[in-house]
Amino acid sequence: MTNAELAILSLVAEEPRHGYQIDQVIRERGMREWAEVAFSSIYFVLRKLEREGLIEGLLEETERGPARKVYHATETGKAALRAGVLDALSVPDRHTSSLQLGLANLPTVQPSEAQFALGRYRDTLAGRLEQVQERRESQRPVPDFVEAMFEHSATMIRAELAWVEGFIARMEDKHDQG
């Protein structure tokens, strides 16, 4: 199961939702940062999960506008969700990172160019950390599992920030000595 499928299945299992509600929760929780769910893919994933029997959609009338299809998790979907969660909690991901590719090819650019680019990377990370902290504060109080998600995101960003700042400093020191 992909991250996007697991994320959407989990939101539907949390409570019945239609596509727009799913997108709202994804935005509110900052899930786009890690769940690989674009707005345009939500309905594609919903249809796929429905075809696989993991969710069912029922049309519900609204006070205004057309009826909306509201999805809920089936028993098969709840079992698949449990299996996906346990897998996600027990098997570390192999992260593919464009940063790793950039580091592997550092010799192809000037040190000053690399330092500038890494400075932009650092600034982007700092902005992401600020966004995570703002979302976290704006939604409190939240259930423990949501708090854990925010805490993990912030911790990982802080660790990466510390690494990139240290690496930039080592590059500057090497440049000053060279």
N, C-alpha and C. Protein backbone atom coordinates (compact mmCIF):
# COMPACT_ATOMS: atom_id res chain seq x y z
N MET A 1 0.85 -1.18 0.00
CA MET A 1 0.00 0.00 0.00
C MET A 1 0.90 1.24 0.00
N THR A 2 0.59 2.19 -0.86
CA THR A 2 1.39 3.41 -0.94
C THR A 2 1.10 4.30 0.26
N ASN A 3 1.99 5.28 0.49
CA ASN A 3 1.76 6.24 1.56
C ASN A 3 0.44 6.99 1.35
N ALA A 4 0.17 7.36 0.11
CA ALA A 4 -1.07 8.09 -0.19
C ALA A 4 -2.29 7.23 0.12
N GLU A 5 -2.25 5.96 -0.26
CA GLU A 5 -3.38 5.07 0.00
C GLU A 5 -3.57 4.87 1.50
N LEU A 6 -2.47 4.65 2.22
CA LEU A 6 -2.57 4.46 3.67
C LEU A 6 -3.10 5.72 4.35
N ALA A 7 -2.62 6.87 3.92
CA ALA A 7 -3.07 8.13 4.53
C ALA A 7 -4.56 8.35 4.31
N ILE A 8 -5.02 8.16 3.10
CA ILE A 8 -6.44 8.39 2.80
C ILE A 8 -7.30 7.33 3.48
N LEU A 9 -6.88 6.08 3.46
CA LEU A 9 -7.63 5.03 4.15
C LEU A 9 -7.73 5.34 5.63
N SER A 10 -6.66 5.83 6.22
CA SER A 10 -6.68 6.14 7.66
C SER A 10 -7.66 7.27 7.98
N LEU A 11 -7.73 8.26 7.10
CA LEU A 11 -8.65 9.38 7.34
C LEU A 11 -10.10 8.95 7.20
N VAL A 12 -10.36 8.05 6.26
CA VAL A 12 -11.72 7.53 6.07
C VAL A 12 -12.09 6.61 7.24
N ALA A 13 -11.12 5.85 7.75
CA ALA A 13 -11.38 4.96 8.89
C ALA A 13 -11.60 5.76 10.18
N GLU A 14 -10.94 6.92 10.27
CA GLU A 14 -11.11 7.80 11.43
C GLU A 14 -12.57 8.21 11.58
N GLU A 15 -13.15 8.62 10.44
CA GLU A 15 -14.57 8.96 10.37
C GLU A 15 -14.96 9.06 8.90
N PRO A 16 -16.21 8.79 8.58
CA PRO A 16 -16.64 8.92 7.18
C PRO A 16 -16.39 10.34 6.67
N ARG A 17 -15.84 10.41 5.46
CA ARG A 17 -15.50 11.72 4.89
C ARG A 17 -15.70 11.69 3.38
N HIS A 18 -15.95 12.87 2.82
CA HIS A 18 -15.93 13.02 1.37
C HIS A 18 -14.58 13.62 0.98
N GLY A 19 -14.31 13.64 -0.32
CA GLY A 19 -13.00 14.03 -0.82
C GLY A 19 -12.52 15.38 -0.34
N TYR A 20 -13.40 16.37 -0.34
CA TYR A 20 -12.98 17.71 0.08
C TYR A 20 -12.61 17.73 1.56
N GLN A 21 -13.34 16.99 2.40
CA GLN A 21 -13.01 16.91 3.82
C GLN A 21 -11.64 16.25 4.02
N ILE A 22 -11.36 15.25 3.22
CA ILE A 22 -10.06 14.58 3.29
C ILE A 22 -8.95 15.58 2.98
N ASP A 23 -9.14 16.38 1.93
CA ASP A 23 -8.15 17.38 1.58
C ASP A 23 -7.97 18.39 2.71
N GLN A 24 -9.04 18.81 3.36
CA GLN A 24 -8.95 19.76 4.47
C GLN A 24 -8.10 19.20 5.61
N VAL A 25 -8.35 17.95 5.98
CA VAL A 25 -7.58 17.34 7.07
C VAL A 25 -6.12 17.19 6.68
N ILE A 26 -5.86 16.81 5.44
CA ILE A 26 -4.48 16.68 4.96
C ILE A 26 -3.77 18.02 5.09
N ARG A 27 -4.43 19.11 4.70
CA ARG A 27 -3.83 20.44 4.83
C ARG A 27 -3.63 20.83 6.29
N GLU A 28 -4.67 20.63 7.11
CA GLU A 28 -4.60 21.03 8.52
C GLU A 28 -3.48 20.32 9.27
N ARG A 29 -3.27 19.06 8.97
CA ARG A 29 -2.26 18.27 9.69
C ARG A 29 -0.89 18.32 9.02
N GLY A 30 -0.78 19.03 7.92
CA GLY A 30 0.50 19.12 7.23
C GLY A 30 0.94 17.80 6.61
N MET A 31 -0.01 16.98 6.24
CA MET A 31 0.30 15.64 5.74
C MET A 31 0.94 15.65 4.36
N ARG A 32 0.78 16.73 3.62
CA ARG A 32 1.40 16.77 2.29
C ARG A 32 2.91 16.70 2.38
N GLU A 33 3.46 17.10 3.51
CA GLU A 33 4.90 17.07 3.70
C GLU A 33 5.45 15.64 3.65
N TRP A 34 4.65 14.66 4.04
CA TRP A 34 5.17 13.30 4.16
C TRP A 34 4.28 12.22 3.55
N ALA A 35 3.05 12.53 3.23
CA ALA A 35 2.13 11.49 2.77
C ALA A 35 2.04 11.37 1.25
N GLU A 36 2.67 12.28 0.54
CA GLU A 36 2.66 12.22 -0.93
C GLU A 36 1.25 12.20 -1.50
N VAL A 37 0.40 13.08 -1.00
CA VAL A 37 -0.99 13.15 -1.45
C VAL A 37 -1.26 14.54 -2.00
N ALA A 38 -1.32 14.64 -3.30
CA ALA A 38 -1.71 15.89 -3.93
C ALA A 38 -3.23 15.95 -4.00
N PHE A 39 -3.80 17.14 -4.04
CA PHE A 39 -5.25 17.27 -4.12
C PHE A 39 -5.78 16.49 -5.32
N SER A 40 -5.07 16.59 -6.42
CA SER A 40 -5.54 15.95 -7.65
C SER A 40 -5.55 14.43 -7.56
N SER A 41 -4.82 13.85 -6.62
CA SER A 41 -4.78 12.39 -6.52
C SER A 41 -5.77 11.81 -5.51
N ILE A 42 -6.41 12.65 -4.72
CA ILE A 42 -7.32 12.16 -3.67
C ILE A 42 -8.44 11.31 -4.28
N TYR A 43 -9.10 11.81 -5.30
CA TYR A 43 -10.23 11.07 -5.88
C TYR A 43 -9.76 9.82 -6.62
N PHE A 44 -8.58 9.89 -7.22
CA PHE A 44 -8.01 8.70 -7.86
C PHE A 44 -7.80 7.61 -6.81
N VAL A 45 -7.21 7.97 -5.67
CA VAL A 45 -6.94 7.00 -4.60
C VAL A 45 -8.26 6.50 -4.01
N LEU A 46 -9.23 7.39 -3.82
CA LEU A 46 -10.53 6.95 -3.30
C LEU A 46 -11.16 5.90 -4.21
N ARG A 47 -11.13 6.14 -5.50
CA ARG A 47 -11.69 5.17 -6.45
C ARG A 47 -10.94 3.84 -6.39
N LYS A 48 -9.63 3.91 -6.28
CA LYS A 48 -8.83 2.69 -6.19
C LYS A 48 -9.15 1.91 -4.92
N LEU A 49 -9.22 2.59 -3.79
CA LEU A 49 -9.54 1.93 -2.52
C LEU A 49 -10.95 1.33 -2.56
N GLU A 50 -11.85 2.02 -3.25
CA GLU A 50 -13.22 1.52 -3.38
C GLU A 50 -13.25 0.26 -4.26
N ARG A 51 -12.53 0.29 -5.38
CA ARG A 51 -12.45 -0.89 -6.26
C ARG A 51 -11.88 -2.11 -5.52
N GLU A 52 -10.93 -1.85 -4.62
CA GLU A 52 -10.29 -2.93 -3.88
C GLU A 52 -11.13 -3.40 -2.68
N GLY A 53 -12.28 -2.74 -2.45
CA GLY A 53 -13.16 -3.14 -1.36
C GLY A 53 -12.71 -2.68 0.01
N LEU A 54 -11.79 -1.71 0.06
CA LEU A 54 -11.29 -1.22 1.34
C LEU A 54 -12.16 -0.11 1.91
N ILE A 55 -12.87 0.58 1.03
CA ILE A 55 -13.81 1.62 1.45
C ILE A 55 -15.08 1.49 0.61
N GLU A 56 -16.16 2.07 1.10
CA GLU A 56 -17.40 2.16 0.34
C GLU A 56 -17.84 3.60 0.35
N GLY A 57 -18.38 4.04 -0.78
CA GLY A 57 -18.89 5.40 -0.89
C GLY A 57 -20.39 5.40 -1.04
N LEU A 58 -21.03 6.28 -0.28
CA LEU A 58 -22.48 6.43 -0.35
C LEU A 58 -22.80 7.88 -0.66
N LEU A 59 -23.73 8.09 -1.58
CA LEU A 59 -24.14 9.46 -1.90
C LEU A 59 -25.00 9.99 -0.77
N GLU A 60 -24.66 11.20 -0.31
CA GLU A 60 -25.44 11.86 0.73
C GLU A 60 -25.90 13.20 0.19
N GLU A 61 -27.17 13.49 0.40
CA GLU A 61 -27.72 14.77 -0.03
C GLU A 61 -27.15 15.89 0.82
N THR A 62 -27.02 17.07 0.24
CA THR A 62 -26.56 18.25 0.97
C THR A 62 -27.67 19.29 0.93
N GLU A 63 -27.60 20.23 1.84
CA GLU A 63 -28.60 21.31 1.85
C GLU A 63 -28.49 22.16 0.60
N ARG A 64 -27.26 22.37 0.16
CA ARG A 64 -27.02 23.16 -1.05
C ARG A 64 -26.12 22.36 -1.97
N GLY A 65 -26.38 22.43 -3.23
CA GLY A 65 -25.53 21.79 -4.21
C GLY A 65 -25.81 20.31 -4.40
N PRO A 66 -24.99 19.69 -5.21
CA PRO A 66 -25.21 18.27 -5.53
C PRO A 66 -24.87 17.36 -4.35
N ALA A 67 -25.35 16.14 -4.43
CA ALA A 67 -25.03 15.15 -3.40
C ALA A 67 -23.53 14.87 -3.44
N ARG A 68 -23.00 14.49 -2.27
CA ARG A 68 -21.58 14.17 -2.17
C ARG A 68 -21.42 12.70 -1.83
N LYS A 69 -20.36 12.13 -2.34
CA LYS A 69 -20.06 10.75 -2.03
C LYS A 69 -19.21 10.73 -0.76
N VAL A 70 -19.76 10.13 0.28
CA VAL A 70 -19.07 10.04 1.56
C VAL A 70 -18.56 8.60 1.71
N TYR A 71 -17.30 8.49 2.05
CA TYR A 71 -16.65 7.18 2.12
C TYR A 71 -16.49 6.74 3.57
N HIS A 72 -16.63 5.43 3.77
CA HIS A 72 -16.33 4.84 5.07
C HIS A 72 -15.53 3.56 4.84
N ALA A 73 -14.76 3.17 5.84
CA ALA A 73 -13.90 2.00 5.72
C ALA A 73 -14.73 0.73 5.91
N THR A 74 -14.44 -0.26 5.10
CA THR A 74 -15.05 -1.58 5.25
C THR A 74 -14.24 -2.36 6.29
N GLU A 75 -14.73 -3.53 6.68
CA GLU A 75 -13.97 -4.38 7.59
C GLU A 75 -12.65 -4.79 6.94
N THR A 76 -12.69 -5.08 5.65
CA THR A 76 -11.46 -5.41 4.93
C THR A 76 -10.51 -4.23 4.95
N GLY A 77 -11.04 -3.03 4.78
CA GLY A 77 -10.23 -1.82 4.81
C GLY A 77 -9.61 -1.58 6.18
N LYS A 78 -10.38 -1.84 7.24
CA LYS A 78 -9.84 -1.66 8.59
C LYS A 78 -8.71 -2.66 8.85
N ALA A 79 -8.86 -3.89 8.35
CA ALA A 79 -7.79 -4.88 8.51
C ALA A 79 -6.55 -4.46 7.71
N ALA A 80 -6.76 -3.95 6.50
CA ALA A 80 -5.64 -3.49 5.67
C ALA A 80 -4.96 -2.29 6.33
N LEU A 81 -5.75 -1.42 6.93
CA LEU A 81 -5.19 -0.26 7.63
C LEU A 81 -4.32 -0.71 8.79
N ARG A 82 -4.82 -1.64 9.61
CA ARG A 82 -4.03 -2.14 10.74
C ARG A 82 -2.71 -2.74 10.24
N ALA A 83 -2.77 -3.55 9.19
CA ALA A 83 -1.55 -4.15 8.64
C ALA A 83 -0.60 -3.07 8.12
N GLY A 84 -1.14 -2.08 7.43
CA GLY A 84 -0.31 -0.99 6.90
C GLY A 84 0.33 -0.17 8.00
N VAL A 85 -0.42 0.09 9.06
CA VAL A 85 0.11 0.86 10.18
C VAL A 85 1.24 0.09 10.85
N LEU A 86 1.02 -1.19 11.13
CA LEU A 86 2.05 -1.99 11.78
C LEU A 86 3.30 -2.08 10.91
N ASP A 87 3.12 -2.19 9.60
CA ASP A 87 4.25 -2.21 8.69
C ASP A 87 4.99 -0.87 8.73
N ALA A 88 4.24 0.21 8.70
CA ALA A 88 4.84 1.55 8.72
C ALA A 88 5.60 1.80 10.02
N LEU A 89 5.10 1.26 11.12
CA LEU A 89 5.74 1.46 12.42
C LEU A 89 6.95 0.56 12.63
N SER A 90 7.06 -0.51 11.85
CA SER A 90 8.12 -1.48 12.13
C SER A 90 9.23 -1.53 11.08
N VAL A 91 9.01 -0.96 9.91
CA VAL A 91 10.02 -1.05 8.84
C VAL A 91 10.44 0.36 8.41
N PRO A 92 11.68 0.74 8.72
CA PRO A 92 12.13 2.08 8.30
C PRO A 92 12.10 2.21 6.78
N ASP A 93 11.68 3.38 6.32
CA ASP A 93 11.67 3.67 4.88
C ASP A 93 13.09 3.89 4.38
N ARG A 94 13.28 3.53 3.13
CA ARG A 94 14.50 3.94 2.45
C ARG A 94 14.15 5.28 1.81
N HIS A 95 14.72 6.32 2.34
CA HIS A 95 14.39 7.64 1.82
C HIS A 95 15.20 7.93 0.57
N THR A 96 14.50 8.29 -0.47
CA THR A 96 15.19 8.78 -1.65
C THR A 96 15.24 10.29 -1.50
N SER A 97 16.39 10.82 -1.68
CA SER A 97 16.56 12.24 -1.42
C SER A 97 17.38 12.89 -2.52
N SER A 98 16.87 13.98 -3.02
CA SER A 98 17.65 14.72 -4.02
C SER A 98 18.88 15.32 -3.35
N LEU A 99 18.84 15.55 -2.05
CA LEU A 99 20.02 16.06 -1.35
C LEU A 99 21.16 15.05 -1.48
N GLN A 100 20.87 13.77 -1.30
CA GLN A 100 21.91 12.74 -1.44
C GLN A 100 22.53 12.78 -2.84
N LEU A 101 21.69 12.94 -3.84
CA LEU A 101 22.18 13.03 -5.21
C LEU A 101 23.06 14.27 -5.39
N GLY A 102 22.63 15.37 -4.80
CA GLY A 102 23.44 16.60 -4.86
C GLY A 102 24.78 16.42 -4.16
N LEU A 103 24.78 15.78 -2.98
CA LEU A 103 26.03 15.55 -2.26
C LEU A 103 26.96 14.64 -3.05
N ALA A 104 26.39 13.63 -3.69
CA ALA A 104 27.20 12.70 -4.47
C ALA A 104 27.89 13.39 -5.64
N ASN A 105 27.35 14.53 -6.03
CA ASN A 105 27.89 15.24 -7.19
C ASN A 105 28.48 16.60 -6.84
N LEU A 106 28.84 16.81 -5.58
CA LEU A 106 29.45 18.07 -5.16
C LEU A 106 30.68 18.46 -5.98
N PRO A 107 31.52 17.51 -6.38
CA PRO A 107 32.72 17.91 -7.14
C PRO A 107 32.41 18.61 -8.47
N THR A 108 31.17 18.56 -8.94
CA THR A 108 30.86 19.17 -10.23
C THR A 108 30.50 20.65 -10.14
N VAL A 109 30.42 21.18 -8.91
CA VAL A 109 30.09 22.60 -8.73
C VAL A 109 31.16 23.27 -7.89
N GLN A 110 31.21 24.58 -7.99
CA GLN A 110 32.16 25.35 -7.19
C GLN A 110 31.72 25.33 -5.72
N PRO A 111 32.67 25.33 -4.79
CA PRO A 111 32.30 25.35 -3.36
C PRO A 111 31.37 26.51 -3.00
N SER A 112 31.60 27.67 -3.58
CA SER A 112 30.74 28.82 -3.26
C SER A 112 29.31 28.58 -3.75
N GLU A 113 29.16 27.92 -4.91
CA GLU A 113 27.83 27.58 -5.42
C GLU A 113 27.13 26.58 -4.49
N ALA A 114 27.90 25.59 -4.05
CA ALA A 114 27.35 24.58 -3.15
C ALA A 114 26.92 25.22 -1.83
N GLN A 115 27.75 26.10 -1.29
CA GLN A 115 27.40 26.76 -0.03
C GLN A 115 26.14 27.60 -0.19
N PHE A 116 26.04 28.31 -1.30
CA PHE A 116 24.84 29.11 -1.55
C PHE A 116 23.60 28.23 -1.63
N ALA A 117 23.70 27.13 -2.40
CA ALA A 117 22.57 26.21 -2.55
C ALA A 117 22.19 25.59 -1.21
N LEU A 118 23.19 25.18 -0.44
CA LEU A 118 22.91 24.58 0.88
C LEU A 118 22.31 25.61 1.83
N GLY A 119 22.70 26.87 1.67
CA GLY A 119 22.09 27.94 2.47
C GLY A 119 20.61 28.07 2.15
N ARG A 120 20.27 27.96 0.88
CA ARG A 120 18.85 27.98 0.48
C ARG A 120 18.12 26.77 1.05
N TYR A 121 18.77 25.62 1.02
CA TYR A 121 18.19 24.39 1.58
C TYR A 121 17.91 24.60 3.07
N ARG A 122 18.91 25.16 3.78
CA ARG A 122 18.76 25.44 5.21
C ARG A 122 17.59 26.39 5.46
N ASP A 123 17.50 27.44 4.68
CA ASP A 123 16.42 28.42 4.87
C ASP A 123 15.05 27.80 4.61
N THR A 124 14.98 26.93 3.61
CA THR A 124 13.72 26.23 3.33
C THR A 124 13.34 25.33 4.49
N LEU A 125 14.31 24.61 5.04
CA LEU A 125 14.04 23.77 6.21
C LEU A 125 13.56 24.60 7.39
N ALA A 126 14.19 25.74 7.62
CA ALA A 126 13.78 26.62 8.72
C ALA A 126 12.34 27.07 8.52
N GLY A 127 11.96 27.38 7.28
CA GLY A 127 10.58 27.77 6.99
C GLY A 127 9.61 26.63 7.24
N ARG A 128 10.01 25.41 6.86
CA ARG A 128 9.15 24.25 7.11
C ARG A 128 8.97 24.02 8.61
N LEU A 129 10.04 24.17 9.37
CA LEU A 129 9.95 24.00 10.82
C LEU A 129 8.97 25.01 11.41
N GLU A 130 9.06 26.22 10.95
CA GLU A 130 8.15 27.27 11.42
C GLU A 130 6.69 26.92 11.07
N GLN A 131 6.47 26.43 9.86
CA GLN A 131 5.11 26.03 9.45
C GLN A 131 4.58 24.89 10.32
N VAL A 132 5.41 23.90 10.58
CA VAL A 132 4.99 22.77 11.42
C VAL A 132 4.63 23.28 12.82
N GLN A 133 5.46 24.14 13.37
CA GLN A 133 5.20 24.65 14.71
C GLN A 133 3.93 25.51 14.75
N GLU A 134 3.70 26.29 13.71
CA GLU A 134 2.49 27.11 13.65
C GLU A 134 1.25 26.24 13.54
N ARG A 135 1.29 25.22 12.66
CA ARG A 135 0.14 24.30 12.53
C ARG A 135 -0.11 23.58 13.85
N ARG A 136 0.96 23.16 14.48
CA ARG A 136 0.86 22.45 15.76
C ARG A 136 0.15 23.32 16.79
N GLU A 137 0.59 24.56 16.92
CA GLU A 137 -0.01 25.47 17.90
C GLU A 137 -1.45 25.83 17.56
N SER A 138 -1.74 26.01 16.28
CA SER A 138 -3.09 26.43 15.88
C SER A 138 -4.13 25.34 16.07
N GLN A 139 -3.70 24.10 16.18
CA GLN A 139 -4.64 22.99 16.29
C GLN A 139 -4.76 22.42 17.69
N ARG A 140 -3.98 22.90 18.62
CA ARG A 140 -4.03 22.36 19.98
C ARG A 140 -5.36 22.68 20.63
N PRO A 141 -5.88 21.81 21.44
CA PRO A 141 -5.36 20.49 21.77
C PRO A 141 -5.68 19.48 20.66
N VAL A 142 -4.78 18.54 20.49
CA VAL A 142 -4.95 17.47 19.49
C VAL A 142 -4.76 16.13 20.18
N PRO A 143 -5.27 15.07 19.57
CA PRO A 143 -5.03 13.73 20.14
C PRO A 143 -3.53 13.43 20.16
N ASP A 144 -3.13 12.51 21.03
CA ASP A 144 -1.71 12.16 21.18
C ASP A 144 -1.06 11.75 19.87
N PHE A 145 -1.80 11.00 19.03
CA PHE A 145 -1.18 10.54 17.78
C PHE A 145 -0.90 11.71 16.85
N VAL A 146 -1.74 12.73 16.86
CA VAL A 146 -1.49 13.91 16.00
C VAL A 146 -0.32 14.70 16.58
N GLU A 147 -0.27 14.82 17.89
CA GLU A 147 0.86 15.49 18.54
C GLU A 147 2.16 14.78 18.20
N ALA A 148 2.13 13.45 18.20
CA ALA A 148 3.32 12.67 17.86
C ALA A 148 3.76 12.94 16.42
N MET A 149 2.79 13.10 15.52
CA MET A 149 3.12 13.40 14.13
C MET A 149 3.84 14.75 14.02
N PHE A 150 3.30 15.76 14.69
CA PHE A 150 3.93 17.08 14.67
C PHE A 150 5.32 17.02 15.31
N GLU A 151 5.42 16.33 16.43
CA GLU A 151 6.69 16.22 17.15
C GLU A 151 7.75 15.51 16.29
N HIS A 152 7.36 14.44 15.63
CA HIS A 152 8.31 13.72 14.77
C HIS A 152 8.77 14.61 13.62
N SER A 153 7.83 15.28 12.97
CA SER A 153 8.20 16.17 11.85
C SER A 153 9.18 17.24 12.32
N ALA A 154 8.87 17.89 13.43
CA ALA A 154 9.73 18.96 13.94
C ALA A 154 11.11 18.42 14.33
N THR A 155 11.14 17.26 14.96
CA THR A 155 12.42 16.66 15.36
C THR A 155 13.28 16.33 14.16
N MET A 156 12.69 15.75 13.12
CA MET A 156 13.44 15.40 11.92
C MET A 156 13.96 16.65 11.21
N ILE A 157 13.14 17.68 11.15
CA ILE A 157 13.59 18.92 10.50
C ILE A 157 14.72 19.55 11.29
N ARG A 158 14.60 19.57 12.63
CA ARG A 158 15.68 20.14 13.47
C ARG A 158 16.98 19.37 13.26
N ALA A 159 16.89 18.04 13.19
CA ALA A 159 18.09 17.23 12.99
C ALA A 159 18.74 17.54 11.64
N GLU A 160 17.92 17.66 10.61
CA GLU A 160 18.46 17.96 9.29
C GLU A 160 19.05 19.37 9.25
N LEU A 161 18.38 20.31 9.93
CA LEU A 161 18.91 21.68 10.02
C LEU A 161 20.28 21.68 10.68
N ALA A 162 20.40 20.96 11.79
CA ALA A 162 21.68 20.90 12.50
C ALA A 162 22.76 20.31 11.60
N TRP A 163 22.41 19.26 10.86
CA TRP A 163 23.39 18.64 9.97
C TRP A 163 23.82 19.62 8.88
N VAL A 164 22.86 20.25 8.20
CA VAL A 164 23.22 21.12 7.08
C VAL A 164 24.01 22.34 7.57
N GLU A 165 23.67 22.87 8.74
CA GLU A 165 24.44 23.99 9.28
C GLU A 165 25.88 23.58 9.57
N GLY A 166 26.04 22.39 10.14
CA GLY A 166 27.38 21.88 10.41
C GLY A 166 28.17 21.63 9.13
N PHE A 167 27.51 21.10 8.13
CA PHE A 167 28.19 20.82 6.86
C PHE A 167 28.61 22.13 6.19
N ILE A 168 27.74 23.12 6.19
CA ILE A 168 28.09 24.43 5.62
C ILE A 168 29.29 25.00 6.36
N ALA A 169 29.29 24.90 7.68
CA ALA A 169 30.41 25.43 8.46
C ALA A 169 31.71 24.69 8.11
N ARG A 170 31.66 23.36 7.94
CA ARG A 170 32.86 22.62 7.55
C ARG A 170 33.35 23.05 6.18
N MET A 171 32.40 23.28 5.26
CA MET A 171 32.81 23.74 3.92
C MET A 171 33.47 25.11 4.00
N GLU A 172 32.92 26.00 4.83
CA GLU A 172 33.50 27.35 4.99
C GLU A 172 34.88 27.26 5.60
N ASP A 173 35.05 26.40 6.64
CA ASP A 173 36.35 26.24 7.27
C ASP A 173 37.38 25.72 6.26
N LYS A 174 36.98 24.74 5.47
CA LYS A 174 37.88 24.16 4.47
C LYS A 174 38.26 25.20 3.43
N HIS A 175 37.29 26.03 3.05
CA HIS A 175 37.55 27.10 2.07
C HIS A 175 38.52 28.12 2.66
N ASP A 176 38.31 28.49 3.95
CA ASP A 176 39.19 29.47 4.61
C ASP A 176 40.63 28.94 4.75
N GLN A 177 40.77 27.62 4.94
CA GLN A 177 42.10 27.02 5.11
C GLN A 177 42.78 26.78 3.77
N GLY A 178 41.94 26.60 2.71
CA GLY A 178 42.47 26.22 1.40
C GLY A 178 43.11 27.31 0.68
